Amino acid sequence: MADVINLEEQERDWVRFFREHWDCDWCGMPTRGRVYEETQTVVCSACRKPLLEIDSDPQHYIAFEEDLD
């Protein structure tokens, strides 16, 4: 479970997404990804190209059931 951060309390309009650096598939630079206020896309902090888009349509969610056997 992730912590929800109130952006109004921050000095910037974005939050980091990944704990560790990733190499961007677009530019190759290390990034922890940024999510800007009121967006559903994680973007590279260097080139600002999308790394991950979150789909808000519940029809596209995948549910996993725990095997209790």
PDB file of N, CA and C in Angstrom:
ATOM      1  N   MET A   1       0.845  -1.167   0.000  1.00  0.00           N
ATOM      2  CA  MET A   1       0.000   0.000   0.000  1.00  0.00           C
ATOM      3  C   MET A   1       0.890   1.229   0.000  1.00  0.00           C
ATOM      4  N   ALA A   2       0.545   2.224  -0.768  1.00  0.00           N
ATOM      5  CA  ALA A   2       1.350   3.438  -0.883  1.00  0.00           C
ATOM      6  C   ALA A   2       0.794   4.538   0.007  1.00  0.00           C
ATOM      7  N   ASP A   3       1.656   5.463   0.348  1.00  0.00           N
ATOM      8  CA  ASP A   3       1.231   6.636   1.101  1.00  0.00           C
ATOM      9  C   ASP A   3       0.725   7.687   0.129  1.00  0.00           C
ATOM     10  N   VAL A   4      -0.368   8.345   0.485  1.00  0.00           N
ATOM     11  CA  VAL A   4      -0.903   9.431  -0.333  1.00  0.00           C
ATOM     12  C   VAL A   4      -0.290  10.726   0.169  1.00  0.00           C
ATOM     13  N   ILE A   5       0.278  11.500  -0.737  1.00  0.00           N
ATOM     14  CA  ILE A   5       0.954  12.735  -0.376  1.00  0.00           C
ATOM     15  C   ILE A   5       0.120  13.913  -0.843  1.00  0.00           C
ATOM     16  N   ASN A   6      -0.117  14.847   0.044  1.00  0.00           N
ATOM     17  CA  ASN A   6      -0.850  16.061  -0.292  1.00  0.00           C
ATOM     18  C   ASN A   6       0.117  17.036  -0.954  1.00  0.00           C
ATOM     19  N   LEU A   7      -0.082  17.320  -2.226  1.00  0.00           N
ATOM     20  CA  LEU A   7       0.834  18.187  -2.957  1.00  0.00           C
ATOM     21  C   LEU A   7       0.776  19.636  -2.483  1.00  0.00           C
ATOM     22  N   GLU A   8      -0.311  20.035  -1.833  1.00  0.00           N
ATOM     23  CA  GLU A   8      -0.410  21.404  -1.342  1.00  0.00           C
ATOM     24  C   GLU A   8       0.629  21.678  -0.259  1.00  0.00           C
ATOM     25  N   GLU A   9       1.073  20.633   0.443  1.00  0.00           N
ATOM     26  CA  GLU A   9       2.064  20.791   1.499  1.00  0.00           C
ATOM     27  C   GLU A   9       3.491  20.755   0.949  1.00  0.00           C
ATOM     28  N   GLN A  10       3.660  20.428  -0.321  1.00  0.00           N
ATOM     29  CA  GLN A  10       4.970  20.328  -0.942  1.00  0.00           C
ATOM     30  C   GLN A  10       5.352  21.657  -1.587  1.00  0.00           C
ATOM     31  N   GLU A  11       6.646  21.832  -1.843  1.00  0.00           N
ATOM     32  CA  GLU A  11       7.123  23.035  -2.508  1.00  0.00           C
ATOM     33  C   GLU A  11       7.141  22.873  -4.016  1.00  0.00           C
ATOM     34  N   ARG A  12       6.698  21.735  -4.512  1.00  0.00           N
ATOM     35  CA  ARG A  12       6.699  21.464  -5.945  1.00  0.00           C
ATOM     36  C   ARG A  12       5.363  20.847  -6.337  1.00  0.00           C
ATOM     37  N   ASP A  13       5.092  20.767  -7.645  1.00  0.00           N
ATOM     38  CA  ASP A  13       3.806  20.243  -8.114  1.00  0.00           C
ATOM     39  C   ASP A  13       3.922  18.808  -8.618  1.00  0.00           C
ATOM     40  N   TRP A  14       4.931  18.068  -8.144  1.00  0.00           N
ATOM     41  CA  TRP A  14       5.112  16.681  -8.545  1.00  0.00           C
ATOM     42  C   TRP A  14       5.679  15.883  -7.373  1.00  0.00           C
ATOM     43  N   VAL A  15       5.534  14.559  -7.469  1.00  0.00           N
ATOM     44  CA  VAL A  15       6.130  13.642  -6.491  1.00  0.00           C
ATOM     45  C   VAL A  15       6.904  12.562  -7.238  1.00  0.00           C
ATOM     46  N   ARG A  16       7.903  11.990  -6.578  1.00  0.00           N
ATOM     47  CA  ARG A  16       8.648  10.874  -7.159  1.00  0.00           C
ATOM     48  C   ARG A  16       7.798   9.619  -7.092  1.00  0.00           C
ATOM     49  N   PHE A  17       7.953   8.752  -8.096  1.00  0.00           N
ATOM     50  CA  PHE A  17       7.143   7.546  -8.157  1.00  0.00           C
ATOM     51  C   PHE A  17       7.903   6.301  -7.697  1.00  0.00           C
ATOM     52  N   PHE A  18       9.120   6.095  -8.212  1.00  0.00           N
ATOM     53  CA  PHE A  18       9.908   4.911  -7.873  1.00  0.00           C
ATOM     54  C   PHE A  18      10.871   5.231  -6.729  1.00  0.00           C
ATOM     55  N   ARG A  19      11.144   4.243  -5.881  1.00  0.00           N
ATOM     56  CA  ARG A  19      12.112   4.440  -4.794  1.00  0.00           C
ATOM     57  C   ARG A  19      13.541   4.457  -5.323  1.00  0.00           C
ATOM     58  N   GLU A  20      13.817   3.601  -6.277  1.00  0.00           N
ATOM     59  CA  GLU A  20      15.146   3.496  -6.865  1.00  0.00           C
ATOM     60  C   GLU A  20      15.136   4.100  -8.268  1.00  0.00           C
ATOM     61  N   HIS A  21      16.307   4.446  -8.760  1.00  0.00           N
ATOM     62  CA  HIS A  21      16.401   4.978 -10.118  1.00  0.00           C
ATOM     63  C   HIS A  21      16.159   3.888 -11.160  1.00  0.00           C
ATOM     64  N   TRP A  22      15.521   4.249 -12.245  1.00  0.00           N
ATOM     65  CA  TRP A  22      15.310   3.432 -13.447  1.00  0.00           C
ATOM     66  C   TRP A  22      16.050   4.113 -14.576  1.00  0.00           C
ATOM     67  N   ASP A  23      16.474   3.359 -15.554  1.00  0.00           N
ATOM     68  CA  ASP A  23      16.990   3.973 -16.774  1.00  0.00           C
ATOM     69  C   ASP A  23      15.806   4.168 -17.713  1.00  0.00           C
ATOM     70  N   CYS A  24      15.592   5.392 -18.136  1.00  0.00           N
ATOM     71  CA  CYS A  24      14.478   5.726 -19.020  1.00  0.00           C
ATOM     72  C   CYS A  24      14.637   4.999 -20.351  1.00  0.00           C
ATOM     73  N   ASP A  25      13.567   4.396 -20.834  1.00  0.00           N
ATOM     74  CA  ASP A  25      13.583   3.719 -22.137  1.00  0.00           C
ATOM     75  C   ASP A  25      13.718   4.709 -23.290  1.00  0.00           C
ATOM     76  N   TRP A  26      13.347   5.958 -23.058  1.00  0.00           N
ATOM     77  CA  TRP A  26      13.392   6.967 -24.116  1.00  0.00           C
ATOM     78  C   TRP A  26      14.769   7.609 -24.239  1.00  0.00           C
ATOM     79  N   CYS A  27      15.321   8.097 -23.125  1.00  0.00           N
ATOM     80  CA  CYS A  27      16.569   8.863 -23.195  1.00  0.00           C
ATOM     81  C   CYS A  27      17.758   8.167 -22.541  1.00  0.00           C
ATOM     82  N   GLY A  28      17.503   7.094 -21.781  1.00  0.00           N
ATOM     83  CA  GLY A  28      18.575   6.348 -21.137  1.00  0.00           C
ATOM     84  C   GLY A  28      19.079   6.944 -19.834  1.00  0.00           C
ATOM     85  N   MET A  29      18.549   8.082 -19.425  1.00  0.00           N
ATOM     86  CA  MET A  29      18.989   8.733 -18.186  1.00  0.00           C
ATOM     87  C   MET A  29      18.338   8.058 -16.977  1.00  0.00           C
ATOM     88  N   PRO A  30      19.031   8.056 -15.818  1.00  0.00           N
ATOM     89  CA  PRO A  30      18.415   7.511 -14.611  1.00  0.00           C
ATOM     90  C   PRO A  30      17.311   8.440 -14.114  1.00  0.00           C
ATOM     91  N   THR A  31      16.202   7.860 -13.701  1.00  0.00           N
ATOM     92  CA  THR A  31      15.069   8.646 -13.217  1.00  0.00           C
ATOM     93  C   THR A  31      14.312   7.848 -12.168  1.00  0.00           C
ATOM     94  N   ARG A  32      13.675   8.537 -11.247  1.00  0.00           N
ATOM     95  CA  ARG A  32      12.763   7.893 -10.306  1.00  0.00           C
ATOM     96  C   ARG A  32      11.314   8.147 -10.724  1.00  0.00           C
ATOM     97  N   GLY A  33      11.158   8.801 -11.847  1.00  0.00           N
ATOM     98  CA  GLY A  33       9.822   9.088 -12.361  1.00  0.00           C
ATOM     99  C   GLY A  33       9.151  10.203 -11.577  1.00  0.00           C
ATOM    100  N   ARG A  34       8.345  10.949 -12.255  1.00  0.00           N
ATOM    101  CA  ARG A  34       7.574  12.021 -11.619  1.00  0.00           C
ATOM    102  C   ARG A  34       6.104  11.858 -11.977  1.00  0.00           C
ATOM    103  N   VAL A  35       5.261  12.173 -11.016  1.00  0.00           N
ATOM    104  CA  VAL A  35       3.823  12.252 -11.247  1.00  0.00           C
ATOM    105  C   VAL A  35       3.426  13.673 -10.898  1.00  0.00           C
ATOM    106  N   TYR A  36       2.875  14.358 -11.878  1.00  0.00           N
ATOM    107  CA  TYR A  36       2.452  15.738 -11.671  1.00  0.00           C
ATOM    108  C   TYR A  36       1.021  15.773 -11.182  1.00  0.00           C
ATOM    109  N   GLU A  37       0.704  16.829 -10.471  1.00  0.00           N
ATOM    110  CA  GLU A  37      -0.618  17.007  -9.898  1.00  0.00           C
ATOM    111  C   GLU A  37      -1.713  16.847 -10.947  1.00  0.00           C
ATOM    112  N   GLU A  38      -2.742  16.093 -10.579  1.00  0.00           N
ATOM    113  CA  GLU A  38      -3.921  15.843 -11.409  1.00  0.00           C
ATOM    114  C   GLU A  38      -3.602  15.131 -12.721  1.00  0.00           C
ATOM    115  N   THR A  39      -2.560  14.291 -12.725  1.00  0.00           N
ATOM    116  CA  THR A  39      -2.264  13.460 -13.884  1.00  0.00           C
ATOM    117  C   THR A  39      -2.230  12.001 -13.450  1.00  0.00           C
ATOM    118  N   GLN A  40      -2.274  11.120 -14.407  1.00  0.00           N
ATOM    119  CA  GLN A  40      -2.229   9.686 -14.145  1.00  0.00           C
ATOM    120  C   GLN A  40      -1.088   9.057 -14.936  1.00  0.00           C
ATOM    121  N   THR A  41      -0.042   9.837 -15.165  1.00  0.00           N
ATOM    122  CA  THR A  41       1.090   9.373 -15.950  1.00  0.00           C
ATOM    123  C   THR A  41       2.379   9.596 -15.175  1.00  0.00           C
ATOM    124  N   VAL A  42       3.229   8.577 -15.154  1.00  0.00           N
ATOM    125  CA  VAL A  42       4.571   8.697 -14.589  1.00  0.00           C
ATOM    126  C   VAL A  42       5.487   9.076 -15.744  1.00  0.00           C
ATOM    127  N   VAL A  43       6.217  10.181 -15.598  1.00  0.00           N
ATOM    128  CA  VAL A  43       7.085  10.653 -16.675  1.00  0.00           C
ATOM    129  C   VAL A  43       8.539  10.656 -16.216  1.00  0.00           C
ATOM    130  N   CYS A  44       9.451  10.598 -17.175  1.00  0.00           N
ATOM    131  CA  CYS A  44      10.886  10.686 -16.921  1.00  0.00           C
ATOM    132  C   CYS A  44      11.214  12.094 -16.422  1.00  0.00           C
ATOM    133  N   SER A  45      12.056  12.187 -15.416  1.00  0.00           N
ATOM    134  CA  SER A  45      12.429  13.506 -14.888  1.00  0.00           C
ATOM    135  C   SER A  45      13.403  14.234 -15.814  1.00  0.00           C
ATOM    136  N   ALA A  46      14.041  13.519 -16.730  1.00  0.00           N
ATOM    137  CA  ALA A  46      14.982  14.150 -17.655  1.00  0.00           C
ATOM    138  C   ALA A  46      14.298  14.602 -18.946  1.00  0.00           C
ATOM    139  N   CYS A  47      13.622  13.677 -19.623  1.00  0.00           N
ATOM    140  CA  CYS A  47      13.050  14.007 -20.933  1.00  0.00           C
ATOM    141  C   CYS A  47      11.539  14.234 -20.904  1.00  0.00           C
ATOM    142  N   ARG A  48      10.901  13.946 -19.780  1.00  0.00           N
ATOM    143  CA  ARG A  48       9.456  14.138 -19.577  1.00  0.00           C
ATOM    144  C   ARG A  48       8.570  13.254 -20.456  1.00  0.00           C
ATOM    145  N   LYS A  49       9.139  12.203 -21.045  1.00  0.00           N
ATOM    146  CA  LYS A  49       8.322  11.271 -21.829  1.00  0.00           C
ATOM    147  C   LYS A  49       7.674  10.276 -20.868  1.00  0.00           C
ATOM    148  N   PRO A  50       6.522   9.690 -21.242  1.00  0.00           N
ATOM    149  CA  PRO A  50       5.793   8.806 -20.337  1.00  0.00           C
ATOM    150  C   PRO A  50       6.509   7.472 -20.097  1.00  0.00           C
ATOM    151  N   LEU A  51       6.580   7.085 -18.821  1.00  0.00           N
ATOM    152  CA  LEU A  51       7.122   5.789 -18.428  1.00  0.00           C
ATOM    153  C   LEU A  51       5.993   4.803 -18.120  1.00  0.00           C
ATOM    154  N   LEU A  52       4.891   5.328 -17.601  1.00  0.00           N
ATOM    155  CA  LEU A  52       3.773   4.489 -17.180  1.00  0.00           C
ATOM    156  C   LEU A  52       2.521   5.346 -17.137  1.00  0.00           C
ATOM    157  N   GLU A  53       1.436   4.848 -17.745  1.00  0.00           N
ATOM    158  CA  GLU A  53       0.154   5.540 -17.670  1.00  0.00           C
ATOM    159  C   GLU A  53      -0.814   4.686 -16.879  1.00  0.00           C
ATOM    160  N   ILE A  54      -1.518   5.300 -15.956  1.00  0.00           N
ATOM    161  CA  ILE A  54      -2.494   4.605 -15.126  1.00  0.00           C
ATOM    162  C   ILE A  54      -3.862   4.768 -15.770  1.00  0.00           C
ATOM    163  N   ASP A  55      -4.497   3.652 -16.059  1.00  0.00           N
ATOM    164  CA  ASP A  55      -5.817   3.655 -16.684  1.00  0.00           C
ATOM    165  C   ASP A  55      -6.867   3.701 -15.583  1.00  0.00           C
ATOM    166  N   SER A  56      -7.724   4.703 -15.596  1.00  0.00           N
ATOM    167  CA  SER A  56      -8.725   4.854 -14.543  1.00  0.00           C
ATOM    168  C   SER A  56     -10.033   4.131 -14.849  1.00  0.00           C
ATOM    169  N   ASP A  57     -10.116   3.430 -15.977  1.00  0.00           N
ATOM    170  CA  ASP A  57     -11.337   2.709 -16.330  1.00  0.00           C
ATOM    171  C   ASP A  57     -11.364   1.372 -15.585  1.00  0.00           C
ATOM    172  N   PRO A  58     -12.316   1.176 -14.668  1.00  0.00           N
ATOM    173  CA  PRO A  58     -12.367  -0.066 -13.880  1.00  0.00           C
ATOM    174  C   PRO A  58     -12.531  -1.330 -14.730  1.00  0.00           C
ATOM    175  N   GLN A  59     -13.012  -1.209 -15.946  1.00  0.00           N
ATOM    176  CA  GLN A  59     -13.149  -2.388 -16.814  1.00  0.00           C
ATOM    177  C   GLN A  59     -11.782  -2.972 -17.170  1.00  0.00           C
ATOM    178  N   HIS A  60     -10.741  -2.175 -17.079  1.00  0.00           N
ATOM    179  CA  HIS A  60      -9.409  -2.611 -17.459  1.00  0.00           C
ATOM    180  C   HIS A  60      -8.590  -3.149 -16.298  1.00  0.00           C
ATOM    181  N   TYR A  61      -9.154  -3.151 -15.087  1.00  0.00           N
ATOM    182  CA  TYR A  61      -8.433  -3.657 -13.928  1.00  0.00           C
ATOM    183  C   TYR A  61      -8.332  -5.170 -13.994  1.00  0.00           C
ATOM    184  N   ILE A  62      -7.275  -5.693 -13.467  1.00  0.00           N
ATOM    185  CA  ILE A  62      -7.094  -7.138 -13.380  1.00  0.00           C
ATOM    186  C   ILE A  62      -7.200  -7.522 -11.910  1.00  0.00           C
ATOM    187  N   ALA A  63      -8.045  -8.452 -11.600  1.00  0.00           N
ATOM    188  CA  ALA A  63      -8.210  -8.908 -10.228  1.00  0.00           C
ATOM    189  C   ALA A  63      -7.515 -10.255 -10.053  1.00  0.00           C
ATOM    190  N   PHE A  64      -6.757 -10.367  -8.989  1.00  0.00           N
ATOM    191  CA  PHE A  64      -6.092 -11.610  -8.657  1.00  0.00           C
ATOM    192  C   PHE A  64      -6.747 -12.199  -7.423  1.00  0.00           C
ATOM    193  N   GLU A  65      -7.096 -13.454  -7.513  1.00  0.00           N
ATOM    194  CA  GLU A  65      -7.678 -14.126  -6.361  1.00  0.00           C
ATOM    195  C   GLU A  65      -6.603 -14.964  -5.689  1.00  0.00           C
ATOM    196  N   GLU A  66      -6.571 -14.902  -4.378  1.00  0.00           N
ATOM    197  CA  GLU A  66      -5.580 -15.663  -3.628  1.00  0.00           C
ATOM    198  C   GLU A  66      -5.998 -17.116  -3.569  1.00  0.00           C
ATOM    199  N   ASP A  67      -5.065 -18.001  -3.839  1.00  0.00           N
ATOM    200  CA  ASP A  67      -5.332 -19.438  -3.789  1.00  0.00           C
ATOM    201  C   ASP A  67      -5.241 -19.874  -2.336  1.00  0.00           C
ATOM    202  N   LEU A  68      -6.359 -20.301  -1.765  1.00  0.00           N
ATOM    203  CA  LEU A  68      -6.413 -20.645  -0.358  1.00  0.00           C
ATOM    204  C   LEU A  68      -6.152 -22.125  -0.078  1.00  0.00           C
ATOM    205  N   ASP A  69      -5.837 -22.898  -1.114  1.00  0.00           N
ATOM    206  CA  ASP A  69      -5.559 -24.326  -0.912  1.00  0.00           C
ATOM    207  C   ASP A  69      -4.218 -24.570  -0.309  1.00  0.00           C
TER     208      ASP A  69
END
